Amino acid sequence: MIVCVCHGVSDRAIVAEVQGGCTSFEALQSATRVATCCGCCEDCARQVMAAAQIVADARSVRQIALNLL
């Protein structure tokens, strides 16, 4: 799904940035230019980023738990 029409940023691009280590919205904006033009997509972009961070955190916790076994 396209999140930012102005710059053609998709939800997949946002998820990929989070998976690649992006931890702040400002860093995401710098990397993708999402929400830097008209700003209409900012809420959606933040929601996609937050969801991607939750998934990334859960994967990290799972990996830590597996390493302890």
C-alpha atoms as a PDB file:
ATOM      1  CA  MET A   1       0.000   0.000   0.000  1.00  0.00           C
ATOM      2  CA  ILE A   2       1.269   3.474  -0.810  1.00  0.00           C
ATOM      3  CA  VAL A   3       1.479   5.548   2.368  1.00  0.00           C
ATOM      4  CA  CYS A   4       3.010   8.720   0.920  1.00  0.00           C
ATOM      5  CA  VAL A   5       1.641   9.621  -2.492  1.00  0.00           C
ATOM      6  CA  CYS A   6       3.902  12.665  -2.842  1.00  0.00           C
ATOM      7  CA  HIS A   7       7.069  10.556  -2.701  1.00  0.00           C
ATOM      8  CA  GLY A   8       5.709   7.088  -3.527  1.00  0.00           C
ATOM      9  CA  VAL A   9       6.632   5.558  -0.168  1.00  0.00           C
ATOM     10  CA  SER A  10       4.971   2.224   0.561  1.00  0.00           C
ATOM     11  CA  ASP A  11       4.264   0.469   3.823  1.00  0.00           C
ATOM     12  CA  ARG A  12       6.811  -2.146   2.751  1.00  0.00           C
ATOM     13  CA  ALA A  13       9.483   0.533   2.412  1.00  0.00           C
ATOM     14  CA  ILE A  14       8.717   1.744   5.943  1.00  0.00           C
ATOM     15  CA  VAL A  15       8.864  -1.805   7.325  1.00  0.00           C
ATOM     16  CA  ALA A  16      12.165  -2.403   5.522  1.00  0.00           C
ATOM     17  CA  GLU A  17      13.661   0.729   7.085  1.00  0.00           C
ATOM     18  CA  VAL A  18      12.570  -0.377  10.563  1.00  0.00           C
ATOM     19  CA  GLN A  19      13.973  -3.864   9.955  1.00  0.00           C
ATOM     20  CA  GLY A  20      17.180  -2.190   8.833  1.00  0.00           C
ATOM     21  CA  GLY A  21      17.535  -0.392  12.148  1.00  0.00           C
ATOM     22  CA  CYS A  22      15.615   2.855  11.722  1.00  0.00           C
ATOM     23  CA  THR A  23      14.364   3.819  15.194  1.00  0.00           C
ATOM     24  CA  SER A  24      12.978   7.352  14.900  1.00  0.00           C
ATOM     25  CA  PHE A  25      10.401   8.982  12.695  1.00  0.00           C
ATOM     26  CA  GLU A  26      12.882  11.702  11.792  1.00  0.00           C
ATOM     27  CA  ALA A  27      15.338   9.056  10.586  1.00  0.00           C
ATOM     28  CA  LEU A  28      12.545   7.421   8.593  1.00  0.00           C
ATOM     29  CA  GLN A  29      11.750  10.766   6.984  1.00  0.00           C
ATOM     30  CA  SER A  30      15.394  11.280   6.129  1.00  0.00           C
ATOM     31  CA  ALA A  31      15.673   7.818   4.593  1.00  0.00           C
ATOM     32  CA  THR A  32      12.393   7.781   2.651  1.00  0.00           C
ATOM     33  CA  ARG A  33      11.143  11.400   2.519  1.00  0.00           C
ATOM     34  CA  VAL A  34       7.785  10.178   3.900  1.00  0.00           C
ATOM     35  CA  ALA A  35       5.638  13.000   5.336  1.00  0.00           C
ATOM     36  CA  THR A  36       8.022  15.718   4.173  1.00  0.00           C
ATOM     37  CA  CYS A  37       5.856  17.327   1.499  1.00  0.00           C
ATOM     38  CA  CYS A  38       2.154  17.873   2.252  1.00  0.00           C
ATOM     39  CA  GLY A  39       2.188  15.907   5.519  1.00  0.00           C
ATOM     40  CA  CYS A  40      -1.170  14.207   4.952  1.00  0.00           C
ATOM     41  CA  CYS A  41       0.440  10.777   5.372  1.00  0.00           C
ATOM     42  CA  GLU A  42       2.196  11.444   8.671  1.00  0.00           C
ATOM     43  CA  ASP A  43      -0.356   9.717  10.909  1.00  0.00           C
ATOM     44  CA  CYS A  44      -0.472   6.634   8.703  1.00  0.00           C
ATOM     45  CA  ALA A  45       3.322   6.539   8.355  1.00  0.00           C
ATOM     46  CA  ARG A  46       3.719   6.744  12.131  1.00  0.00           C
ATOM     47  CA  GLN A  47       1.205   3.911  12.597  1.00  0.00           C
ATOM     48  CA  VAL A  48       2.974   1.688  10.077  1.00  0.00           C
ATOM     49  CA  MET A  49       6.312   2.441  11.722  1.00  0.00           C
ATOM     50  CA  ALA A  50       4.954   1.693  15.201  1.00  0.00           C
ATOM     51  CA  ALA A  51       3.507  -1.633  14.040  1.00  0.00           C
ATOM     52  CA  ALA A  52       6.783  -2.552  12.353  1.00  0.00           C
ATOM     53  CA  GLN A  53       8.692  -1.703  15.541  1.00  0.00           C
ATOM     54  CA  ILE A  54       6.407  -3.958  17.592  1.00  0.00           C
ATOM     55  CA  VAL A  55       7.052  -6.850  15.214  1.00  0.00           C
ATOM     56  CA  ALA A  56      10.809  -6.173  15.218  1.00  0.00           C
ATOM     57  CA  ASP A  57      10.853  -6.017  19.023  1.00  0.00           C
ATOM     58  CA  ALA A  58       8.916  -9.282  19.279  1.00  0.00           C
ATOM     59  CA  ARG A  59      11.381 -10.965  16.943  1.00  0.00           C
ATOM     60  CA  SER A  60      14.281  -9.688  19.039  1.00  0.00           C
ATOM     61  CA  VAL A  61      12.715 -11.010  22.239  1.00  0.00           C
ATOM     62  CA  ARG A  62      12.056 -14.353  20.587  1.00  0.00           C
ATOM     63  CA  GLN A  63      15.655 -14.585  19.399  1.00  0.00           C
ATOM     64  CA  ILE A  64      16.981 -13.762  22.866  1.00  0.00           C
ATOM     65  CA  ALA A  65      14.743 -16.444  24.378  1.00  0.00           C
ATOM     66  CA  LEU A  66      15.912 -19.007  21.832  1.00  0.00           C
ATOM     67  CA  ASN A  67      19.533 -18.159  22.581  1.00  0.00           C
ATOM     68  CA  LEU A  68      18.926 -18.849  26.261  1.00  0.00           C
ATOM     69  CA  LEU A  69      17.750 -22.385  25.578  1.00  0.00           C
END
